[in-house]
PDB file of N, CA and C in Angstrom:
ATOM      1  N   UNK A   1     -45.734 -33.655 -28.062  1.00  0.00           N
ATOM      2  CA  UNK A   1     -46.902 -33.404 -27.230  1.00  0.00           C
ATOM      3  C   UNK A   1     -47.347 -31.958 -27.392  1.00  0.00           C
ATOM      4  N   UNK A   2     -48.501 -31.705 -26.948  1.00  0.00           N
ATOM      5  CA  UNK A   2     -49.034 -30.344 -27.009  1.00  0.00           C
ATOM      6  C   UNK A   2     -48.295 -29.468 -26.012  1.00  0.00           C
ATOM      7  N   UNK A   3     -48.306 -28.192 -26.270  1.00  0.00           N
ATOM      8  CA  UNK A   3     -47.570 -27.267 -25.407  1.00  0.00           C
ATOM      9  C   UNK A   3     -48.174 -27.188 -24.007  1.00  0.00           C
ATOM     10  N   UNK A   4     -49.460 -27.532 -23.864  1.00  0.00           N
ATOM     11  CA  UNK A   4     -50.085 -27.465 -22.543  1.00  0.00           C
ATOM     12  C   UNK A   4     -49.759 -28.689 -21.701  1.00  0.00           C
ATOM     13  N   UNK A   5     -49.091 -29.688 -22.290  1.00  0.00           N
ATOM     14  CA  UNK A   5     -48.720 -30.877 -21.539  1.00  0.00           C
ATOM     15  C   UNK A   5     -49.802 -31.939 -21.552  1.00  0.00           C
ATOM     16  N   UNK A   6     -50.934 -31.692 -22.194  1.00  0.00           N
ATOM     17  CA  UNK A   6     -52.010 -32.666 -22.257  1.00  0.00           C
ATOM     18  C   UNK A   6     -51.874 -33.574 -23.466  1.00  0.00           C
ATOM     19  N   UNK A   7     -52.879 -34.367 -23.651  1.00  0.00           N
ATOM     20  CA  UNK A   7     -52.890 -35.312 -24.767  1.00  0.00           C
ATOM     21  C   UNK A   7     -53.272 -34.588 -26.054  1.00  0.00           C
ATOM     22  N   UNK A   8     -52.537 -34.872 -27.137  1.00  0.00           N
ATOM     23  CA  UNK A   8     -52.881 -34.280 -28.427  1.00  0.00           C
ATOM     24  C   UNK A   8     -54.219 -34.817 -28.878  1.00  0.00           C
ATOM     25  N   UNK A   9     -54.943 -34.025 -29.638  1.00  0.00           N
ATOM     26  CA  UNK A   9     -56.275 -34.424 -30.082  1.00  0.00           C
ATOM     27  C   UNK A   9     -56.235 -35.442 -31.215  1.00  0.00           C
ATOM     28  N   UNK A  10     -55.205 -35.361 -32.066  1.00  0.00           N
ATOM     29  CA  UNK A  10     -55.119 -36.255 -33.210  1.00  0.00           C
ATOM     30  C   UNK A  10     -53.702 -36.781 -33.353  1.00  0.00           C
ATOM     31  N   UNK A  11     -53.594 -37.982 -33.885  1.00  0.00           N
ATOM     32  CA  UNK A  11     -52.296 -38.603 -34.119  1.00  0.00           C
ATOM     33  C   UNK A  11     -52.080 -38.869 -35.593  1.00  0.00           C
ATOM     34  N   UNK A  12     -51.168 -39.804 -35.878  1.00  0.00           N
ATOM     35  CA  UNK A  12     -50.872 -40.156 -37.257  1.00  0.00           C
ATOM     36  C   UNK A  12     -52.001 -40.983 -37.846  1.00  0.00           C
ATOM     37  N   UNK A  13     -52.198 -40.845 -39.137  1.00  0.00           N
ATOM     38  CA  UNK A  13     -53.201 -41.653 -39.841  1.00  0.00           C
ATOM     39  C   UNK A  13     -52.550 -42.978 -40.208  1.00  0.00           C
ATOM     40  N   UNK A  14     -53.235 -44.062 -39.910  1.00  0.00           N
ATOM     41  CA  UNK A  14     -52.746 -45.395 -40.215  1.00  0.00           C
ATOM     42  C   UNK A  14     -52.735 -45.590 -41.734  1.00  0.00           C
ATOM     43  N   UNK A  15     -51.624 -46.074 -42.304  1.00  0.00           N
ATOM     44  CA  UNK A  15     -51.596 -46.273 -43.758  1.00  0.00           C
ATOM     45  C   UNK A  15     -52.651 -47.263 -44.248  1.00  0.00           C
ATOM     46  N   UNK A  16     -53.050 -48.224 -43.430  1.00  0.00           N
ATOM     47  CA  UNK A  16     -54.066 -49.190 -43.839  1.00  0.00           C
ATOM     48  C   UNK A  16     -55.453 -48.550 -43.934  1.00  0.00           C
ATOM     49  N   UNK A  17     -55.605 -47.368 -43.386  1.00  0.00           N
ATOM     50  CA  UNK A  17     -56.859 -46.632 -43.524  1.00  0.00           C
ATOM     51  C   UNK A  17     -57.096 -46.272 -44.992  1.00  0.00           C
ATOM     52  N   UNK A  18     -56.008 -46.153 -45.743  1.00  0.00           N
ATOM     53  CA  UNK A  18     -56.137 -45.798 -47.160  1.00  0.00           C
ATOM     54  C   UNK A  18     -56.816 -46.905 -47.964  1.00  0.00           C
ATOM     55  N   UNK A  19     -56.752 -48.149 -47.479  1.00  0.00           N
ATOM     56  CA  UNK A  19     -57.434 -49.247 -48.165  1.00  0.00           C
ATOM     57  C   UNK A  19     -58.945 -49.026 -48.189  1.00  0.00           C
ATOM     58  N   UNK A  20     -59.458 -48.266 -47.262  1.00  0.00           N
ATOM     59  CA  UNK A  20     -60.883 -47.969 -47.250  1.00  0.00           C
ATOM     60  C   UNK A  20     -61.173 -46.601 -47.877  1.00  0.00           C
ATOM     61  N   UNK A  21     -60.297 -45.648 -47.649  1.00  0.00           N
ATOM     62  CA  UNK A  21     -60.571 -44.278 -48.076  1.00  0.00           C
ATOM     63  C   UNK A  21     -60.381 -44.095 -49.580  1.00  0.00           C
ATOM     64  N   UNK A  22     -59.335 -44.660 -50.148  1.00  0.00           N
ATOM     65  CA  UNK A  22     -59.090 -44.453 -51.580  1.00  0.00           C
ATOM     66  C   UNK A  22     -60.208 -45.013 -52.463  1.00  0.00           C
ATOM     67  N   UNK A  23     -60.734 -46.218 -52.199  1.00  0.00           N
ATOM     68  CA  UNK A  23     -61.888 -46.651 -53.002  1.00  0.00           C
ATOM     69  C   UNK A  23     -63.119 -45.763 -52.818  1.00  0.00           C
ATOM     70  N   UNK A  24     -63.323 -45.239 -51.607  1.00  0.00           N
ATOM     71  CA  UNK A  24     -64.448 -44.329 -51.403  1.00  0.00           C
ATOM     72  C   UNK A  24     -64.293 -43.056 -52.232  1.00  0.00           C
ATOM     73  N   UNK A  25     -63.080 -42.531 -52.289  1.00  0.00           N
ATOM     74  CA  UNK A  25     -62.842 -41.330 -53.089  1.00  0.00           C
ATOM     75  C   UNK A  25     -63.026 -41.648 -54.579  1.00  0.00           C
ATOM     76  N   UNK A  26     -62.576 -42.815 -55.014  1.00  0.00           N
ATOM     77  CA  UNK A  26     -62.770 -43.214 -56.404  1.00  0.00           C
ATOM     78  C   UNK A  26     -64.250 -43.341 -56.747  1.00  0.00           C
ATOM     79  N   UNK A  27     -65.012 -43.967 -55.859  1.00  0.00           N
ATOM     80  CA  UNK A  27     -66.455 -44.098 -56.067  1.00  0.00           C
ATOM     81  C   UNK A  27     -67.119 -42.722 -56.089  1.00  0.00           C
ATOM     82  N   UNK A  28     -66.676 -41.837 -55.205  1.00  0.00           N
ATOM     83  CA  UNK A  28     -67.235 -40.487 -55.188  1.00  0.00           C
ATOM     84  C   UNK A  28     -66.952 -39.765 -56.501  1.00  0.00           C
ATOM     85  N   UNK A  29     -65.748 -39.935 -57.035  1.00  0.00           N
ATOM     86  CA  UNK A  29     -65.425 -39.318 -58.320  1.00  0.00           C
ATOM     87  C   UNK A  29     -66.297 -39.850 -59.445  1.00  0.00           C
ATOM     88  N   UNK A  30     -66.536 -41.156 -59.438  1.00  0.00           N
ATOM     89  CA  UNK A  30     -67.411 -41.750 -60.454  1.00  0.00           C
ATOM     90  C   UNK A  30     -68.836 -41.234 -60.304  1.00  0.00           C
ATOM     91  N   UNK A  31     -69.294 -41.091 -59.077  1.00  0.00           N
ATOM     92  CA  UNK A  31     -70.646 -40.582 -58.855  1.00  0.00           C
ATOM     93  C   UNK A  31     -70.790 -39.138 -59.320  1.00  0.00           C
ATOM     94  N   UNK A  32     -69.792 -38.318 -59.025  1.00  0.00           N
ATOM     95  CA  UNK A  32     -69.844 -36.919 -59.461  1.00  0.00           C
ATOM     96  C   UNK A  32     -69.810 -36.855 -60.984  1.00  0.00           C
ATOM     97  N   UNK A  33     -68.960 -37.649 -61.602  1.00  0.00           N
ATOM     98  CA  UNK A  33     -68.849 -37.664 -63.060  1.00  0.00           C
ATOM     99  C   UNK A  33     -70.138 -38.182 -63.713  1.00  0.00           C
ATOM    100  N   UNK A  34     -70.821 -39.083 -63.007  1.00  0.00           N
ATOM    101  CA  UNK A  34     -72.053 -39.641 -63.536  1.00  0.00           C
ATOM    102  C   UNK A  34     -73.282 -38.786 -63.285  1.00  0.00           C
ATOM    103  N   UNK A  35     -73.141 -37.662 -62.660  1.00  0.00           N
ATOM    104  CA  UNK A  35     -74.266 -36.756 -62.476  1.00  0.00           C
ATOM    105  C   UNK A  35     -74.905 -36.812 -61.104  1.00  0.00           C
ATOM    106  N   UNK A  36     -74.357 -37.583 -60.187  1.00  0.00           N
ATOM    107  CA  UNK A  36     -74.894 -37.651 -58.826  1.00  0.00           C
ATOM    108  C   UNK A  36     -73.935 -36.941 -57.868  1.00  0.00           C
ATOM    109  N   UNK A  37     -73.787 -35.645 -58.075  1.00  0.00           N
ATOM    110  CA  UNK A  37     -72.819 -34.861 -57.310  1.00  0.00           C
ATOM    111  C   UNK A  37     -73.068 -34.864 -55.822  1.00  0.00           C
ATOM    112  N   UNK A  38     -74.309 -34.756 -55.418  1.00  0.00           N
ATOM    113  CA  UNK A  38     -74.602 -34.677 -53.970  1.00  0.00           C
ATOM    114  C   UNK A  38     -74.303 -36.013 -53.299  1.00  0.00           C
ATOM    115  N   UNK A  39     -74.501 -37.132 -53.988  1.00  0.00           N
ATOM    116  CA  UNK A  39     -74.151 -38.439 -53.413  1.00  0.00           C
ATOM    117  C   UNK A  39     -72.634 -38.572 -53.323  1.00  0.00           C
ATOM    118  N   UNK A  40     -71.926 -38.067 -54.330  1.00  0.00           N
ATOM    119  CA  UNK A  40     -70.468 -38.070 -54.298  1.00  0.00           C
ATOM    120  C   UNK A  40     -69.912 -37.250 -53.147  1.00  0.00           C
ATOM    121  N   UNK A  41     -70.546 -36.125 -52.887  1.00  0.00           N
ATOM    122  CA  UNK A  41     -70.117 -35.284 -51.758  1.00  0.00           C
ATOM    123  C   UNK A  41     -70.345 -36.016 -50.434  1.00  0.00           C
ATOM    124  N   UNK A  42     -71.457 -36.719 -50.325  1.00  0.00           N
ATOM    125  CA  UNK A  42     -71.733 -37.487 -49.100  1.00  0.00           C
ATOM    126  C   UNK A  42     -70.677 -38.570 -48.912  1.00  0.00           C
ATOM    127  N   UNK A  43     -70.292 -39.245 -49.994  1.00  0.00           N
ATOM    128  CA  UNK A  43     -69.274 -40.299 -49.893  1.00  0.00           C
ATOM    129  C   UNK A  43     -67.927 -39.692 -49.516  1.00  0.00           C
ATOM    130  N   UNK A  44     -67.609 -38.508 -50.049  1.00  0.00           N
ATOM    131  CA  UNK A  44     -66.350 -37.830 -49.677  1.00  0.00           C
ATOM    132  C   UNK A  44     -66.364 -37.451 -48.197  1.00  0.00           C
ATOM    133  N   UNK A  45     -67.501 -36.992 -47.706  1.00  0.00           N
ATOM    134  CA  UNK A  45     -67.609 -36.642 -46.283  1.00  0.00           C
ATOM    135  C   UNK A  45     -67.416 -37.890 -45.425  1.00  0.00           C
ATOM    136  N   UNK A  46     -67.992 -39.013 -45.838  1.00  0.00           N
ATOM    137  CA  UNK A  46     -67.815 -40.265 -45.091  1.00  0.00           C
ATOM    138  C   UNK A  46     -66.342 -40.669 -45.083  1.00  0.00           C
ATOM    139  N   UNK A  47     -65.654 -40.537 -46.228  1.00  0.00           N
ATOM    140  CA  UNK A  47     -64.225 -40.852 -46.287  1.00  0.00           C
ATOM    141  C   UNK A  47     -63.429 -39.930 -45.360  1.00  0.00           C
ATOM    142  N   UNK A  48     -63.797 -38.662 -45.309  1.00  0.00           N
ATOM    143  CA  UNK A  48     -63.131 -37.735 -44.392  1.00  0.00           C
ATOM    144  C   UNK A  48     -63.365 -38.099 -42.934  1.00  0.00           C
ATOM    145  N   UNK A  49     -64.573 -38.540 -42.624  1.00  0.00           N
ATOM    146  CA  UNK A  49     -64.857 -38.970 -41.245  1.00  0.00           C
ATOM    147  C   UNK A  49     -64.053 -40.208 -40.872  1.00  0.00           C
ATOM    148  N   UNK A  50     -63.866 -41.111 -41.825  1.00  0.00           N
ATOM    149  CA  UNK A  50     -63.053 -42.303 -41.553  1.00  0.00           C
ATOM    150  C   UNK A  50     -61.623 -41.901 -41.212  1.00  0.00           C
ATOM    151  N   UNK A  51     -61.051 -40.975 -41.984  1.00  0.00           N
ATOM    152  CA  UNK A  51     -59.686 -40.500 -41.706  1.00  0.00           C
ATOM    153  C   UNK A  51     -59.637 -39.776 -40.362  1.00  0.00           C
ATOM    154  N   UNK A  52     -60.645 -38.971 -40.066  1.00  0.00           N
ATOM    155  CA  UNK A  52     -60.683 -38.226 -38.805  1.00  0.00           C
ATOM    156  C   UNK A  52     -60.764 -39.169 -37.599  1.00  0.00           C
ATOM    157  N   UNK A  53     -61.624 -40.171 -37.671  1.00  0.00           N
ATOM    158  CA  UNK A  53     -61.759 -41.124 -36.564  1.00  0.00           C
ATOM    159  C   UNK A  53     -60.486 -41.937 -36.411  1.00  0.00           C
ATOM    160  N   UNK A  54     -59.867 -42.342 -37.521  1.00  0.00           N
ATOM    161  CA  UNK A  54     -58.624 -43.103 -37.445  1.00  0.00           C
ATOM    162  C   UNK A  54     -57.518 -42.278 -36.805  1.00  0.00           C
ATOM    163  N   UNK A  55     -57.417 -41.023 -37.182  1.00  0.00           N
ATOM    164  CA  UNK A  55     -56.414 -40.151 -36.582  1.00  0.00           C
ATOM    165  C   UNK A  55     -56.689 -39.919 -35.101  1.00  0.00           C
ATOM    166  N   UNK A  56     -57.944 -39.819 -34.729  1.00  0.00           N
ATOM    167  CA  UNK A  56     -58.299 -39.607 -33.325  1.00  0.00           C
ATOM    168  C   UNK A  56     -57.965 -40.836 -32.482  1.00  0.00           C
ATOM    169  N   UNK A  57     -58.217 -42.032 -33.020  1.00  0.00           N
ATOM    170  CA  UNK A  57     -57.930 -43.239 -32.238  1.00  0.00           C
ATOM    171  C   UNK A  57     -56.437 -43.528 -32.147  1.00  0.00           C
ATOM    172  N   UNK A  58     -55.626 -42.973 -33.033  1.00  0.00           N
ATOM    173  CA  UNK A  58     -54.179 -43.192 -33.002  1.00  0.00           C
ATOM    174  C   UNK A  58     -53.427 -42.070 -32.296  1.00  0.00           C
ATOM    175  N   UNK A  59     -54.123 -41.276 -31.515  1.00  0.00           N
ATOM    176  CA  UNK A  59     -53.441 -40.194 -30.799  1.00  0.00           C
ATOM    177  C   UNK A  59     -52.526 -40.788 -29.735  1.00  0.00           C
ATOM    178  N   UNK A  60     -51.447 -40.094 -29.424  1.00  0.00           N
ATOM    179  CA  UNK A  60     -50.488 -40.626 -28.446  1.00  0.00           C
ATOM    180  C   UNK A  60     -51.070 -40.639 -27.035  1.00  0.00           C
ATOM    181  N   UNK A  61     -50.554 -41.554 -26.228  1.00  0.00           N
ATOM    182  CA  UNK A  61     -50.986 -41.643 -24.834  1.00  0.00           C
ATOM    183  C   UNK A  61     -50.482 -40.438 -24.054  1.00  0.00           C
ATOM    184  N   UNK A  62     -51.197 -40.016 -23.004  1.00  0.00           N
ATOM    185  CA  UNK A  62     -50.754 -38.852 -22.230  1.00  0.00           C
ATOM    186  C   UNK A  62     -49.646 -39.190 -21.232  1.00  0.00           C
ATOM    187  N   UNK A  63     -49.200 -40.432 -21.218  1.00  0.00           N
ATOM    188  CA  UNK A  63     -48.165 -40.851 -20.281  1.00  0.00           C
ATOM    189  C   UNK A  63     -47.234 -41.822 -20.987  1.00  0.00           C
ATOM    190  N   UNK A  64     -46.050 -42.020 -20.411  1.00  0.00           N
ATOM    191  CA  UNK A  64     -45.095 -42.972 -20.956  1.00  0.00           C
ATOM    192  C   UNK A  64     -45.382 -44.352 -20.386  1.00  0.00           C
ATOM    193  N   UNK A  65     -45.367 -45.357 -21.239  1.00  0.00           N
ATOM    194  CA  UNK A  65     -45.577 -46.733 -20.796  1.00  0.00           C
ATOM    195  C   UNK A  65     -44.235 -47.272 -20.319  1.00  0.00           C
ATOM    196  N   UNK A  66     -44.162 -47.763 -19.076  1.00  0.00           N
ATOM    197  CA  UNK A  66     -42.880 -48.275 -18.582  1.00  0.00           C
ATOM    198  C   UNK A  66     -42.469 -49.544 -19.319  1.00  0.00           C
ATOM    199  N   UNK A  67     -41.167 -49.705 -19.488  1.00  0.00           N
ATOM    200  CA  UNK A  67     -40.636 -50.852 -20.218  1.00  0.00           C
ATOM    201  C   UNK A  67     -40.781 -52.153 -19.428  1.00  0.00           C
ATOM    202  N   UNK A  68     -40.412 -52.164 -18.165  1.00  0.00           N
ATOM    203  CA  UNK A  68     -40.385 -53.390 -17.378  1.00  0.00           C
ATOM    204  C   UNK A  68     -41.589 -53.541 -16.469  1.00  0.00           C
ATOM    205  N   UNK A  69     -42.764 -53.318 -16.964  1.00  0.00           N
ATOM    206  CA  UNK A  69     -43.963 -53.358 -16.139  1.00  0.00           C
ATOM    207  C   UNK A  69     -44.595 -54.746 -16.087  1.00  0.00           C
ATOM    208  N   UNK A  70     -44.006 -55.723 -16.762  1.00  0.00           N
ATOM    209  CA  UNK A  70     -44.606 -57.042 -16.827  1.00  0.00           C
ATOM    210  C   UNK A  70     -43.889 -58.005 -15.895  1.00  0.00           C
ATOM    211  N   UNK A  71     -44.621 -58.982 -15.393  1.00  0.00           N
ATOM    212  CA  UNK A  71     -44.066 -59.979 -14.482  1.00  0.00           C
ATOM    213  C   UNK A  71     -43.477 -61.173 -15.226  1.00  0.00           C
ATOM    214  N   UNK A  72     -43.632 -61.221 -16.533  1.00  0.00           N
ATOM    215  CA  UNK A  72     -43.186 -62.349 -17.326  1.00  0.00           C
ATOM    216  C   UNK A  72     -41.673 -62.346 -17.460  1.00  0.00           C
ATOM    217  N   UNK A  73     -41.065 -63.495 -17.234  1.00  0.00           N
ATOM    218  CA  UNK A  73     -39.636 -63.646 -17.454  1.00  0.00           C
ATOM    219  C   UNK A  73     -39.436 -64.658 -18.568  1.00  0.00           C
ATOM    220  N   UNK A  74     -38.597 -64.326 -19.512  1.00  0.00           N
ATOM    221  CA  UNK A  74     -38.342 -65.224 -20.637  1.00  0.00           C
ATOM    222  C   UNK A  74     -37.568 -66.444 -20.153  1.00  0.00           C
ATOM    223  N   UNK A  75     -37.845 -67.602 -20.733  1.00  0.00           N
ATOM    224  CA  UNK A  75     -37.089 -68.800 -20.325  1.00  0.00           C
ATOM    225  C   UNK A  75     -35.627 -68.661 -20.703  1.00  0.00           C
ATOM    226  N   UNK A  76     -34.784 -69.315 -19.928  1.00  0.00           N
ATOM    227  CA  UNK A  76     -33.348 -69.252 -20.198  1.00  0.00           C
ATOM    228  C   UNK A  76     -33.038 -69.979 -21.495  1.00  0.00           C
ATOM    229  N   UNK A  77     -32.120 -69.450 -22.232  1.00  0.00           N
ATOM    230  CA  UNK A  77     -31.750 -70.060 -23.507  1.00  0.00           C
ATOM    231  C   UNK A  77     -30.742 -71.177 -23.251  1.00  0.00           C
ATOM    232  N   UNK A  78     -30.842 -72.207 -24.056  1.00  0.00           N
ATOM    233  CA  UNK A  78     -29.887 -73.293 -23.956  1.00  0.00           C
ATOM    234  C   UNK A  78     -30.299 -74.392 -22.998  1.00  0.00           C
ATOM    235  N   UNK A  79     -31.328 -74.201 -22.237  1.00  0.00           N
ATOM    236  CA  UNK A  79     -31.798 -75.223 -21.300  1.00  0.00           C
ATOM    237  C   UNK A  79     -33.214 -75.612 -21.669  1.00  0.00           C
ATOM    238  N   UNK A  80     -33.505 -76.872 -21.515  1.00  0.00           N
ATOM    239  CA  UNK A  80     -34.862 -77.364 -21.790  1.00  0.00           C
ATOM    240  C   UNK A  80     -35.738 -77.170 -20.565  1.00  0.00           C
ATOM    241  N   UNK A  81     -36.975 -76.846 -20.811  1.00  0.00           N
ATOM    242  CA  UNK A  81     -37.940 -76.746 -19.711  1.00  0.00           C
ATOM    243  C   UNK A  81     -38.307 -78.155 -19.262  1.00  0.00           C
ATOM    244  N   UNK A  82     -38.478 -78.330 -17.969  1.00  0.00           N
ATOM    245  CA  UNK A  82     -38.824 -79.654 -17.444  1.00  0.00           C
ATOM    246  C   UNK A  82     -40.282 -79.771 -17.178  1.00  0.00           C
TER     247      UNK A  82
END
């Protein structure tokens, strides 16, 4: 947690985010190589925003979630439900 005791601004980046970001970076590289540098830069910025938003949405909660907060009780093992 942050030293001030509040919620951190950013968390871990989800590995599945790379399924969207890596092709965008590849397309941006092709665009830059093909002579459309400014379009490639725009695509790189969009890929960076995707990573930034993903990291922001995965930030840790400012409180601990209690373990036994649910009213559900698991059925007993070895007995059939009637």
